[in-house]
C-alpha cells in the first residue's frame, strides 16, 4: 500500500475512534443524568391521558409509559381467551414459532422455526404444556392478516388520536402464547405500543443511551434480564432497568431505540401497533454494521405540527 494511502487509512481510523469516544462520552453523560431523574428504576401507569399529552410528554420526548383506560368498549378484552379461539377458530391453520428452547438465538432465527398447525392443536398445547418458552404466535406470524381471522379486527379500535385506524390491518400484530414465553432483550427500529388483553406480562426496559453496555449484536443482546450474569457482563453493573407488570387493559408505549425484554406471567394475548398519528410516515431507524444510520419518515417540510397528537389527518402523507 502506498504510504500516503496508508496514512489516510490510519488517520481515518483514528478519527473514527475519536468520534466513537466523543459520542460514547455523551451517552454516558445522558445515562448519568437519567439516573438523577425521578423516573429512575420505575415508570408509572397513568389514567386519562389525552392524545396531545401522550405525544408531547412521551412520544416526541422518547419516554416510555403505561397507559390505562384506552380499551373501553373493546370486545377483545371481554371475549378473547384460549377457549374462545379454540371454539371459533379451532379448525383454522395458524403459523407458530416453535422449537425455541433448542435455539439460543430463536428471535434472530425467527423464520427458520415456523410451523403450521390447527388453532385447536395450538390451544391444546397452551392448556397442557405448562410454563414454557418453546412455542409462540408472534406478531411476525401475521395472524390478523389471514383471512379467517380478519373479523377479529372489529373486536378492537384504535384509541382516537393515539393510533391511525386507516393502517391498523397492516400495522397491528397479535401475540398469543403460554406462560413463560420470553421476547429476549432487543430494541425495535420504530416506536411501538403493546396492548395487553389477556393474562399478564412483565416488561423491562433499558434506555438507548445504555447501548454500549449491552454487548449487543445489532438490535439483539444475549443478556438475560431475568438473571443477569455480572461476571460475564460486568458492564451491566449500574445500568438503568425500568420494570412494569402489564395487566389486561394496559397499553405500554416503547419508544424507538429503547431496549426491552418481555415475559408472559400467564397464558397471554397481546396486540402490538406502530400506526401512530404523526405527519408523514412514523420514523423508522434503518442501520447495519459498517454503514451509516438512516431514518425514513416521509415528512413534508411544509407541515407544521402545533399540537402533537392533534394532527390534521388531511395534511398527512400516505
C-alpha atoms as a PDB file:
ATOM      1  CA  UNK A   1       0.000   0.000   0.000  1.00  0.00           C
ATOM      2  CA  UNK A   2       1.404   3.451  -0.900  1.00  0.00           C
ATOM      3  CA  UNK A   3       2.484   5.464   2.131  1.00  0.00           C
ATOM      4  CA  UNK A   4       0.032   8.312   1.543  1.00  0.00           C
ATOM      5  CA  UNK A   5      -2.888   5.862   1.223  1.00  0.00           C
ATOM      6  CA  UNK A   6      -1.738   4.059   4.374  1.00  0.00           C
ATOM      7  CA  UNK A   7      -1.561   7.345   6.272  1.00  0.00           C
ATOM      8  CA  UNK A   8      -5.025   8.333   5.105  1.00  0.00           C
ATOM      9  CA  UNK A   9      -6.420   4.968   6.261  1.00  0.00           C
ATOM     10  CA  UNK A  10      -4.648   5.230   9.613  1.00  0.00           C
ATOM     11  CA  UNK A  11      -5.848   8.804  10.130  1.00  0.00           C
ATOM     12  CA  UNK A  12      -9.384   7.831   9.174  1.00  0.00           C
ATOM     13  CA  UNK A  13      -9.336   5.015  11.730  1.00  0.00           C
ATOM     14  CA  UNK A  14      -8.030   7.371  14.420  1.00  0.00           C
ATOM     15  CA  UNK A  15     -10.703   9.949  13.610  1.00  0.00           C
ATOM     16  CA  UNK A  16     -13.408   7.274  13.764  1.00  0.00           C
ATOM     17  CA  UNK A  17     -12.117   6.109  17.134  1.00  0.00           C
ATOM     18  CA  UNK A  18     -12.120   9.692  18.455  1.00  0.00           C
ATOM     19  CA  UNK A  19     -15.624  10.192  17.086  1.00  0.00           C
ATOM     20  CA  UNK A  20     -16.847   6.992  18.776  1.00  0.00           C
ATOM     21  CA  UNK A  21     -15.264   8.093  22.035  1.00  0.00           C
ATOM     22  CA  UNK A  22     -16.870  11.508  21.759  1.00  0.00           C
ATOM     23  CA  UNK A  23     -20.332  10.031  21.148  1.00  0.00           C
ATOM     24  CA  UNK A  24     -19.776   7.419  23.848  1.00  0.00           C
ATOM     25  CA  UNK A  25     -18.873  10.011  26.469  1.00  0.00           C
ATOM     26  CA  UNK A  26     -22.015  11.973  25.606  1.00  0.00           C
ATOM     27  CA  UNK A  27     -24.166   8.845  26.033  1.00  0.00           C
ATOM     28  CA  UNK A  28     -22.504   8.228  29.401  1.00  0.00           C
ATOM     29  CA  UNK A  29     -23.411  11.779  30.437  1.00  0.00           C
ATOM     30  CA  UNK A  30     -27.024  11.184  29.411  1.00  0.00           C
ATOM     31  CA  UNK A  31     -27.094   7.927  31.389  1.00  0.00           C
ATOM     32  CA  UNK A  32     -25.745   9.683  34.495  1.00  0.00           C
ATOM     33  CA  UNK A  33     -28.301  12.466  34.143  1.00  0.00           C
ATOM     34  CA  UNK A  34     -31.157   9.991  33.709  1.00  0.00           C
ATOM     35  CA  UNK A  35     -30.180   8.281  36.974  1.00  0.00           C
ATOM     36  CA  UNK A  36     -30.715  11.609  38.717  1.00  0.00           C
ATOM     37  CA  UNK A  37     -34.278  11.873  37.470  1.00  0.00           C
ATOM     38  CA  UNK A  38     -37.361  10.770  39.357  1.00  0.00           C
ATOM     39  CA  UNK A  39     -38.042   8.154  36.678  1.00  0.00           C
ATOM     40  CA  UNK A  40     -35.005   6.083  37.675  1.00  0.00           C
ATOM     41  CA  UNK A  41     -35.781   2.352  38.237  1.00  0.00           C
ATOM     42  CA  UNK A  42     -39.520   2.536  37.627  1.00  0.00           C
ATOM     43  CA  UNK A  43     -42.112   4.091  35.416  1.00  0.00           C
ATOM     44  CA  UNK A  44     -45.689   4.579  36.367  1.00  0.00           C
ATOM     45  CA  UNK A  45     -49.106   3.874  34.990  1.00  0.00           C
ATOM     46  CA  UNK A  46     -51.244   6.835  34.022  1.00  0.00           C
ATOM     47  CA  UNK A  47     -55.006   7.221  33.569  1.00  0.00           C
ATOM     48  CA  UNK A  48     -56.978   9.641  31.456  1.00  0.00           C
ATOM     49  CA  UNK A  49     -54.013  10.701  29.334  1.00  0.00           C
ATOM     50  CA  UNK A  50     -55.048  12.747  26.310  1.00  0.00           C
ATOM     51  CA  UNK A  51     -53.517  12.104  22.928  1.00  0.00           C
ATOM     52  CA  UNK A  52     -51.887  15.543  22.864  1.00  0.00           C
ATOM     53  CA  UNK A  53     -50.317  14.903  26.287  1.00  0.00           C
ATOM     54  CA  UNK A  54     -49.114  11.484  25.099  1.00  0.00           C
ATOM     55  CA  UNK A  55     -47.369  12.880  22.044  1.00  0.00           C
ATOM     56  CA  UNK A  56     -45.931  15.886  23.843  1.00  0.00           C
ATOM     57  CA  UNK A  57     -44.764  14.184  27.050  1.00  0.00           C
ATOM     58  CA  UNK A  58     -43.889  10.690  25.820  1.00  0.00           C
ATOM     59  CA  UNK A  59     -43.817  10.027  22.073  1.00  0.00           C
ATOM     60  CA  UNK A  60     -41.713  13.002  20.987  1.00  0.00           C
ATOM     61  CA  UNK A  61     -39.823  13.022  24.297  1.00  0.00           C
ATOM     62  CA  UNK A  62     -38.790   9.368  23.725  1.00  0.00           C
ATOM     63  CA  UNK A  63     -40.137   8.288  27.140  1.00  0.00           C
ATOM     64  CA  UNK A  64     -41.924   5.006  27.895  1.00  0.00           C
ATOM     65  CA  UNK A  65     -45.246   4.969  29.701  1.00  0.00           C
ATOM     66  CA  UNK A  66     -48.036   2.544  30.665  1.00  0.00           C
ATOM     67  CA  UNK A  67     -51.499   3.942  29.895  1.00  0.00           C
ATOM     68  CA  UNK A  68     -54.787   2.673  31.285  1.00  0.00           C
ATOM     69  CA  UNK A  69     -58.300   3.308  30.054  1.00  0.00           C
ATOM     70  CA  UNK A  70     -57.750   3.174  26.278  1.00  0.00           C
ATOM     71  CA  UNK A  71     -59.565  -0.149  25.728  1.00  0.00           C
ATOM     72  CA  UNK A  72     -63.018   0.844  26.907  1.00  0.00           C
ATOM     73  CA  UNK A  73     -65.616  -0.942  24.805  1.00  0.00           C
ATOM     74  CA  UNK A  74     -63.181  -3.464  23.289  1.00  0.00           C
ATOM     75  CA  UNK A  75     -64.883  -6.788  22.607  1.00  0.00           C
ATOM     76  CA  UNK A  76     -61.416  -8.387  22.617  1.00  0.00           C
ATOM     77  CA  UNK A  77     -60.987  -7.519  26.285  1.00  0.00           C
ATOM     78  CA  UNK A  78     -64.243  -9.334  27.096  1.00  0.00           C
ATOM     79  CA  UNK A  79     -64.109 -12.452  24.933  1.00  0.00           C
ATOM     80  CA  UNK A  80     -60.536 -13.254  23.835  1.00  0.00           C
ATOM     81  CA  UNK A  81     -59.481 -16.359  25.760  1.00  0.00           C
ATOM     82  CA  UNK A  82     -57.786 -19.585  24.666  1.00  0.00           C
ATOM     83  CA  UNK A  83     -61.185 -21.350  24.775  1.00  0.00           C
ATOM     84  CA  UNK A  84     -62.714 -18.644  22.573  1.00  0.00           C
ATOM     85  CA  UNK A  85     -60.066 -19.200  19.887  1.00  0.00           C
ATOM     86  CA  UNK A  86     -60.372 -22.989  20.098  1.00  0.00           C
ATOM     87  CA  UNK A  87     -64.173 -22.801  19.746  1.00  0.00           C
ATOM     88  CA  UNK A  88     -64.357 -20.204  16.981  1.00  0.00           C
ATOM     89  CA  UNK A  89     -61.175 -20.898  15.006  1.00  0.00           C
ATOM     90  CA  UNK A  90     -60.312 -24.458  16.039  1.00  0.00           C
ATOM     91  CA  UNK A  91     -60.021 -25.883  12.517  1.00  0.00           C
ATOM     92  CA  UNK A  92     -58.171 -22.867  11.105  1.00  0.00           C
ATOM     93  CA  UNK A  93     -54.485 -23.197  10.312  1.00  0.00           C
ATOM     94  CA  UNK A  94     -52.120 -20.934  12.224  1.00  0.00           C
ATOM     95  CA  UNK A  95     -48.407 -20.322  11.931  1.00  0.00           C
ATOM     96  CA  UNK A  96     -46.465 -20.655  15.178  1.00  0.00           C
ATOM     97  CA  UNK A  97     -42.850 -20.099  16.142  1.00  0.00           C
ATOM     98  CA  UNK A  98     -41.630 -23.373  17.691  1.00  0.00           C
ATOM     99  CA  UNK A  99     -38.559 -25.273  18.925  1.00  0.00           C
ATOM    100  CA  UNK A 100     -37.362 -22.086  20.628  1.00  0.00           C
ATOM    101  CA  UNK A 101     -35.810 -23.973  23.540  1.00  0.00           C
ATOM    102  CA  UNK A 102     -33.349 -25.647  21.156  1.00  0.00           C
ATOM    103  CA  UNK A 103     -32.160 -22.396  19.611  1.00  0.00           C
ATOM    104  CA  UNK A 104     -30.458 -19.818  21.869  1.00  0.00           C
ATOM    105  CA  UNK A 105     -30.943 -17.248  19.101  1.00  0.00           C
ATOM    106  CA  UNK A 106     -34.576 -18.037  18.351  1.00  0.00           C
ATOM    107  CA  UNK A 107     -35.524 -14.381  17.943  1.00  0.00           C
ATOM    108  CA  UNK A 108     -32.821 -13.744  15.342  1.00  0.00           C
ATOM    109  CA  UNK A 109     -33.621 -17.041  13.605  1.00  0.00           C
ATOM    110  CA  UNK A 110     -37.365 -16.477  13.654  1.00  0.00           C
ATOM    111  CA  UNK A 111     -38.040 -17.536  10.052  1.00  0.00           C
ATOM    112  CA  UNK A 112     -36.279 -20.896  10.496  1.00  0.00           C
ATOM    113  CA  UNK A 113     -38.508 -22.082  13.331  1.00  0.00           C
ATOM    114  CA  UNK A 114     -42.019 -21.561  11.999  1.00  0.00           C
ATOM    115  CA  UNK A 115     -44.576 -24.339  11.534  1.00  0.00           C
ATOM    116  CA  UNK A 116     -48.289 -24.614  10.717  1.00  0.00           C
ATOM    117  CA  UNK A 117     -50.833 -26.395  12.919  1.00  0.00           C
ATOM    118  CA  UNK A 118     -54.530 -26.013  13.725  1.00  0.00           C
ATOM    119  CA  UNK A 119     -55.671 -23.465  16.281  1.00  0.00           C
ATOM    120  CA  UNK A 120     -57.325 -26.284  18.252  1.00  0.00           C
ATOM    121  CA  UNK A 121     -53.999 -28.128  18.479  1.00  0.00           C
ATOM    122  CA  UNK A 122     -52.179 -24.968  19.499  1.00  0.00           C
ATOM    123  CA  UNK A 123     -54.652 -24.125  22.271  1.00  0.00           C
ATOM    124  CA  UNK A 124     -54.321 -27.711  23.497  1.00  0.00           C
ATOM    125  CA  UNK A 125     -50.556 -27.159  23.762  1.00  0.00           C
ATOM    126  CA  UNK A 126     -51.135 -23.985  25.792  1.00  0.00           C
ATOM    127  CA  UNK A 127     -53.516 -25.731  28.170  1.00  0.00           C
ATOM    128  CA  UNK A 128     -51.463 -28.883  28.731  1.00  0.00           C
ATOM    129  CA  UNK A 129     -47.871 -27.751  28.266  1.00  0.00           C
ATOM    130  CA  UNK A 130     -47.487 -25.590  31.372  1.00  0.00           C
ATOM    131  CA  UNK A 131     -44.867 -22.865  31.605  1.00  0.00           C
ATOM    132  CA  UNK A 132     -42.620 -22.868  28.544  1.00  0.00           C
ATOM    133  CA  UNK A 133     -40.886 -20.664  26.010  1.00  0.00           C
ATOM    134  CA  UNK A 134     -40.878 -23.359  23.324  1.00  0.00           C
ATOM    135  CA  UNK A 135     -43.731 -22.089  21.139  1.00  0.00           C
ATOM    136  CA  UNK A 136     -45.441 -18.779  20.488  1.00  0.00           C
ATOM    137  CA  UNK A 137     -47.630 -16.956  17.990  1.00  0.00           C
ATOM    138  CA  UNK A 138     -45.748 -13.684  17.475  1.00  0.00           C
ATOM    139  CA  UNK A 139     -46.734 -10.510  15.711  1.00  0.00           C
ATOM    140  CA  UNK A 140     -44.428 -11.565  12.888  1.00  0.00           C
ATOM    141  CA  UNK A 141     -46.588 -14.663  12.284  1.00  0.00           C
ATOM    142  CA  UNK A 142     -49.204 -12.246  10.844  1.00  0.00           C
ATOM    143  CA  UNK A 143     -52.275 -13.980  12.278  1.00  0.00           C
ATOM    144  CA  UNK A 144     -54.543 -10.963  11.741  1.00  0.00           C
ATOM    145  CA  UNK A 145     -53.657 -10.880   8.032  1.00  0.00           C
ATOM    146  CA  UNK A 146     -55.005 -14.400   7.492  1.00  0.00           C
ATOM    147  CA  UNK A 147     -58.499 -14.395   6.006  1.00  0.00           C
ATOM    148  CA  UNK A 148     -60.303 -16.471   8.708  1.00  0.00           C
ATOM    149  CA  UNK A 149     -59.018 -14.138  11.429  1.00  0.00           C
ATOM    150  CA  UNK A 150     -59.723 -10.768   9.841  1.00  0.00           C
ATOM    151  CA  UNK A 151     -63.053 -10.464  11.663  1.00  0.00           C
ATOM    152  CA  UNK A 152     -61.017 -10.073  14.844  1.00  0.00           C
ATOM    153  CA  UNK A 153     -60.123  -6.588  13.624  1.00  0.00           C
ATOM    154  CA  UNK A 154     -63.653  -5.493  14.586  1.00  0.00           C
ATOM    155  CA  UNK A 155     -63.042  -6.585  18.198  1.00  0.00           C
ATOM    156  CA  UNK A 156     -60.790  -3.625  18.976  1.00  0.00           C
ATOM    157  CA  UNK A 157     -60.473   0.007  17.979  1.00  0.00           C
ATOM    158  CA  UNK A 158     -57.547   2.367  17.680  1.00  0.00           C
ATOM    159  CA  UNK A 159     -57.669   4.852  20.577  1.00  0.00           C
ATOM    160  CA  UNK A 160     -58.718   8.133  18.993  1.00  0.00           C
ATOM    161  CA  UNK A 161     -55.796  10.479  18.408  1.00  0.00           C
ATOM    162  CA  UNK A 162     -53.240   7.877  19.514  1.00  0.00           C
ATOM    163  CA  UNK A 163     -53.305   5.376  16.624  1.00  0.00           C
ATOM    164  CA  UNK A 164     -54.387   5.765  12.996  1.00  0.00           C
ATOM    165  CA  UNK A 165     -57.266   3.350  12.159  1.00  0.00           C
ATOM    166  CA  UNK A 166     -56.585   3.582   8.430  1.00  0.00           C
ATOM    167  CA  UNK A 167     -53.458   1.447   8.780  1.00  0.00           C
ATOM    168  CA  UNK A 168     -54.464  -0.921  11.565  1.00  0.00           C
ATOM    169  CA  UNK A 169     -54.585  -4.100   9.449  1.00  0.00           C
ATOM    170  CA  UNK A 170     -51.063  -3.552   8.147  1.00  0.00           C
ATOM    171  CA  UNK A 171     -49.627  -2.211  11.417  1.00  0.00           C
ATOM    172  CA  UNK A 172     -51.185  -4.474  14.074  1.00  0.00           C
ATOM    173  CA  UNK A 173     -49.701  -7.756  15.289  1.00  0.00           C
ATOM    174  CA  UNK A 174     -51.074 -10.424  17.630  1.00  0.00           C
ATOM    175  CA  UNK A 175     -49.063 -12.244  20.328  1.00  0.00           C
ATOM    176  CA  UNK A 176     -50.591 -15.409  21.805  1.00  0.00           C
ATOM    177  CA  UNK A 177     -48.615 -17.835  23.916  1.00  0.00           C
ATOM    178  CA  UNK A 178     -48.170 -19.831  27.115  1.00  0.00           C
ATOM    179  CA  UNK A 179     -46.975 -18.685  30.479  1.00  0.00           C
ATOM    180  CA  UNK A 180     -43.204 -18.373  30.256  1.00  0.00           C
ATOM    181  CA  UNK A 181     -42.757 -17.040  26.731  1.00  0.00           C
ATOM    182  CA  UNK A 182     -39.887 -14.567  26.528  1.00  0.00           C
ATOM    183  CA  UNK A 183     -39.042 -11.917  23.970  1.00  0.00           C
ATOM    184  CA  UNK A 184     -35.297 -11.560  24.590  1.00  0.00           C
ATOM    185  CA  UNK A 185     -33.567  -8.227  25.070  1.00  0.00           C
ATOM    186  CA  UNK A 186     -33.762  -6.206  21.867  1.00  0.00           C
ATOM    187  CA  UNK A 187     -34.755  -2.828  20.508  1.00  0.00           C
ATOM    188  CA  UNK A 188     -37.109  -2.036  17.658  1.00  0.00           C
ATOM    189  CA  UNK A 189     -36.479   0.295  14.769  1.00  0.00           C
ATOM    190  CA  UNK A 190     -39.706   2.227  15.328  1.00  0.00           C
ATOM    191  CA  UNK A 191     -41.954   3.421  18.126  1.00  0.00           C
ATOM    192  CA  UNK A 192     -44.449   0.800  19.278  1.00  0.00           C
ATOM    193  CA  UNK A 193     -47.471   0.259  21.528  1.00  0.00           C
ATOM    194  CA  UNK A 194     -48.290  -3.079  23.154  1.00  0.00           C
ATOM    195  CA  UNK A 195     -51.873  -3.673  24.318  1.00  0.00           C
ATOM    196  CA  UNK A 196     -52.316  -6.361  26.978  1.00  0.00           C
ATOM    197  CA  UNK A 197     -55.643  -8.153  26.538  1.00  0.00           C
ATOM    198  CA  UNK A 198     -55.499 -11.477  28.396  1.00  0.00           C
ATOM    199  CA  UNK A 199     -53.139 -12.551  31.183  1.00  0.00           C
ATOM    200  CA  UNK A 200     -50.186 -10.564  32.479  1.00  0.00           C
ATOM    201  CA  UNK A 201     -46.755  -9.710  31.151  1.00  0.00           C
ATOM    202  CA  UNK A 202     -43.622  -8.339  32.736  1.00  0.00           C
ATOM    203  CA  UNK A 203     -41.654  -5.817  30.713  1.00  0.00           C
ATOM    204  CA  UNK A 204     -38.187  -4.497  31.444  1.00  0.00           C
ATOM    205  CA  UNK A 205     -36.759  -1.531  29.532  1.00  0.00           C
ATOM    206  CA  UNK A 206     -33.300  -0.006  29.186  1.00  0.00           C
ATOM    207  CA  UNK A 207     -32.728   3.481  27.732  1.00  0.00           C
ATOM    208  CA  UNK A 208     -30.960   3.652  24.359  1.00  0.00           C
ATOM    209  CA  UNK A 209     -28.020   5.605  25.790  1.00  0.00           C
ATOM    210  CA  UNK A 210     -27.025   2.435  27.707  1.00  0.00           C
ATOM    211  CA  UNK A 211     -26.439   0.569  24.425  1.00  0.00           C
ATOM    212  CA  UNK A 212     -22.646   0.482  24.824  1.00  0.00           C
ATOM    213  CA  UNK A 213     -23.098  -1.620  27.969  1.00  0.00           C
ATOM    214  CA  UNK A 214     -25.341  -4.280  26.427  1.00  0.00           C
ATOM    215  CA  UNK A 215     -22.840  -6.333  24.366  1.00  0.00           C
ATOM    216  CA  UNK A 216     -25.342  -6.239  21.539  1.00  0.00           C
ATOM    217  CA  UNK A 217     -25.319  -7.746  18.079  1.00  0.00           C
ATOM    218  CA  UNK A 218     -27.147  -5.046  16.144  1.00  0.00           C
ATOM    219  CA  UNK A 219     -30.654  -4.907  17.671  1.00  0.00           C
ATOM    220  CA  UNK A 220     -30.289  -8.031  19.860  1.00  0.00           C
ATOM    221  CA  UNK A 221     -28.439  -8.685  23.115  1.00  0.00           C
ATOM    222  CA  UNK A 222     -27.689 -12.056  24.753  1.00  0.00           C
ATOM    223  CA  UNK A 223     -28.063 -10.594  28.256  1.00  0.00           C
ATOM    224  CA  UNK A 224     -30.863 -12.268  30.213  1.00  0.00           C
ATOM    225  CA  UNK A 225     -32.520  -9.576  32.312  1.00  0.00           C
ATOM    226  CA  UNK A 226     -34.201 -12.206  34.484  1.00  0.00           C
ATOM    227  CA  UNK A 227     -30.846 -13.383  35.850  1.00  0.00           C
ATOM    228  CA  UNK A 228     -28.014 -11.112  34.750  1.00  0.00           C
ATOM    229  CA  UNK A 229     -24.581 -12.764  34.744  1.00  0.00           C
ATOM    230  CA  UNK A 230     -22.482  -9.868  36.030  1.00  0.00           C
ATOM    231  CA  UNK A 231     -19.256 -11.860  35.718  1.00  0.00           C
ATOM    232  CA  UNK A 232     -19.876 -12.386  32.019  1.00  0.00           C
ATOM    233  CA  UNK A 233     -21.354  -8.912  31.507  1.00  0.00           C
ATOM    234  CA  UNK A 234     -19.673  -6.595  34.049  1.00  0.00           C
ATOM    235  CA  UNK A 235     -20.734  -3.554  32.013  1.00  0.00           C
ATOM    236  CA  UNK A 236     -24.307  -4.188  33.198  1.00  0.00           C
ATOM    237  CA  UNK A 237     -23.490  -3.041  36.720  1.00  0.00           C
ATOM    238  CA  UNK A 238     -25.258   0.260  37.256  1.00  0.00           C
ATOM    239  CA  UNK A 239     -27.306   0.086  34.044  1.00  0.00           C
ATOM    240  CA  UNK A 240     -30.772   1.638  34.358  1.00  0.00           C
ATOM    241  CA  UNK A 241     -33.513  -1.007  34.094  1.00  0.00           C
ATOM    242  CA  UNK A 242     -37.180   0.014  34.257  1.00  0.00           C
ATOM    243  CA  UNK A 243     -39.723  -2.638  35.248  1.00  0.00           C
ATOM    244  CA  UNK A 244     -43.515  -2.918  34.995  1.00  0.00           C
ATOM    245  CA  UNK A 245     -46.249  -5.554  35.160  1.00  0.00           C
ATOM    246  CA  UNK A 246     -48.848  -5.251  32.414  1.00  0.00           C
ATOM    247  CA  UNK A 247     -52.428  -6.168  33.334  1.00  0.00           C
ATOM    248  CA  UNK A 248     -55.359  -6.677  30.946  1.00  0.00           C
ATOM    249  CA  UNK A 249     -56.405  -3.241  29.717  1.00  0.00           C
ATOM    250  CA  UNK A 250     -52.904  -1.743  29.869  1.00  0.00           C
ATOM    251  CA  UNK A 251     -51.103  -0.153  26.919  1.00  0.00           C
ATOM    252  CA  UNK A 252     -47.338   0.274  27.125  1.00  0.00           C
ATOM    253  CA  UNK A 253     -45.501   2.696  24.846  1.00  0.00           C
ATOM    254  CA  UNK A 254     -41.989   1.538  23.918  1.00  0.00           C
ATOM    255  CA  UNK A 255     -40.080   4.391  22.250  1.00  0.00           C
ATOM    256  CA  UNK A 256     -37.769   3.880  19.299  1.00  0.00           C
ATOM    257  CA  UNK A 257     -34.350   2.602  20.347  1.00  0.00           C
ATOM    258  CA  UNK A 258     -35.390   1.550  23.869  1.00  0.00           C
ATOM    259  CA  UNK A 259     -34.195  -1.953  24.741  1.00  0.00           C
ATOM    260  CA  UNK A 260     -36.883  -4.229  26.125  1.00  0.00           C
ATOM    261  CA  UNK A 261     -37.325  -7.744  27.478  1.00  0.00           C
ATOM    262  CA  UNK A 262     -40.800  -9.217  27.883  1.00  0.00           C
ATOM    263  CA  UNK A 263     -42.032 -12.325  29.724  1.00  0.00           C
ATOM    264  CA  UNK A 264     -45.553 -13.759  29.909  1.00  0.00           C
ATOM    265  CA  UNK A 265     -46.540 -14.350  33.535  1.00  0.00           C
ATOM    266  CA  UNK A 266     -49.704 -16.198  32.447  1.00  0.00           C
ATOM    267  CA  UNK A 267     -51.109 -17.547  29.205  1.00  0.00           C
ATOM    268  CA  UNK A 268     -51.186 -14.253  27.371  1.00  0.00           C
ATOM    269  CA  UNK A 269     -52.789 -12.464  24.428  1.00  0.00           C
ATOM    270  CA  UNK A 270     -51.477  -9.056  23.308  1.00  0.00           C
ATOM    271  CA  UNK A 271     -51.648  -6.730  20.320  1.00  0.00           C
ATOM    272  CA  UNK A 272     -48.842  -4.517  19.028  1.00  0.00           C
ATOM    273  CA  UNK A 273     -49.227  -1.344  16.987  1.00  0.00           C
ATOM    274  CA  UNK A 274     -46.983   1.062  15.078  1.00  0.00           C
ATOM    275  CA  UNK A 275     -49.656   3.131  13.282  1.00  0.00           C
ATOM    276  CA  UNK A 276     -49.186   6.385  15.169  1.00  0.00           C
ATOM    277  CA  UNK A 277     -50.908   9.637  14.267  1.00  0.00           C
ATOM    278  CA  UNK A 278     -47.974  11.718  13.076  1.00  0.00           C
ATOM    279  CA  UNK A 279     -47.409  13.857   9.980  1.00  0.00           C
ATOM    280  CA  UNK A 280     -45.924  11.660   7.289  1.00  0.00           C
ATOM    281  CA  UNK A 281     -44.847   8.093   7.989  1.00  0.00           C
ATOM    282  CA  UNK A 282     -43.721   7.274  11.549  1.00  0.00           C
ATOM    283  CA  UNK A 283     -39.936   7.429  11.779  1.00  0.00           C
ATOM    284  CA  UNK A 284     -38.063   4.170  11.178  1.00  0.00           C
ATOM    285  CA  UNK A 285     -34.389   3.695  12.024  1.00  0.00           C
ATOM    286  CA  UNK A 286     -32.530   1.714   9.354  1.00  0.00           C
ATOM    287  CA  UNK A 287     -28.999   0.697  10.251  1.00  0.00           C
ATOM    288  CA  UNK A 288     -26.435  -2.048   9.657  1.00  0.00           C
ATOM    289  CA  UNK A 289     -22.871  -2.529  10.888  1.00  0.00           C
ATOM    290  CA  UNK A 290     -20.405  -0.755   8.629  1.00  0.00           C
ATOM    291  CA  UNK A 291     -22.961   1.675   7.238  1.00  0.00           C
ATOM    292  CA  UNK A 292     -24.393   4.998   8.274  1.00  0.00           C
ATOM    293  CA  UNK A 293     -27.710   5.215  10.078  1.00  0.00           C
ATOM    294  CA  UNK A 294     -30.644   6.487   8.071  1.00  0.00           C
ATOM    295  CA  UNK A 295     -34.183   7.393   9.002  1.00  0.00           C
ATOM    296  CA  UNK A 296     -37.343   7.040   6.977  1.00  0.00           C
ATOM    297  CA  UNK A 297     -40.090   9.466   7.836  1.00  0.00           C
ATOM    298  CA  UNK A 298     -41.810  10.792   4.705  1.00  0.00           C
ATOM    299  CA  UNK A 299     -42.266  14.144   6.426  1.00  0.00           C
ATOM    300  CA  UNK A 300     -43.147  17.073   4.240  1.00  0.00           C
ATOM    301  CA  UNK A 301     -41.180  20.233   5.119  1.00  0.00           C
ATOM    302  CA  UNK A 302     -44.389  22.190   4.567  1.00  0.00           C
ATOM    303  CA  UNK A 303     -46.141  20.503   7.505  1.00  0.00           C
ATOM    304  CA  UNK A 304     -46.007  22.285  10.829  1.00  0.00           C
ATOM    305  CA  UNK A 305     -47.429  20.492  13.850  1.00  0.00           C
ATOM    306  CA  UNK A 306     -48.539  22.927  16.519  1.00  0.00           C
ATOM    307  CA  UNK A 307     -50.301  20.395  18.751  1.00  0.00           C
ATOM    308  CA  UNK A 308     -48.620  16.954  18.725  1.00  0.00           C
ATOM    309  CA  UNK A 309     -51.256  14.236  18.862  1.00  0.00           C
ATOM    310  CA  UNK A 310     -53.890  16.523  17.331  1.00  0.00           C
ATOM    311  CA  UNK A 311     -52.686  16.341  13.745  1.00  0.00           C
ATOM    312  CA  UNK A 312     -54.923  17.281  10.866  1.00  0.00           C
ATOM    313  CA  UNK A 313     -55.056  13.991   9.011  1.00  0.00           C
ATOM    314  CA  UNK A 314     -55.804  15.770   5.722  1.00  0.00           C
ATOM    315  CA  UNK A 315     -52.206  17.009   5.847  1.00  0.00           C
ATOM    316  CA  UNK A 316     -50.694  13.585   6.411  1.00  0.00           C
ATOM    317  CA  UNK A 317     -48.669  11.910   3.680  1.00  0.00           C
ATOM    318  CA  UNK A 318     -49.589   8.276   2.956  1.00  0.00           C
END
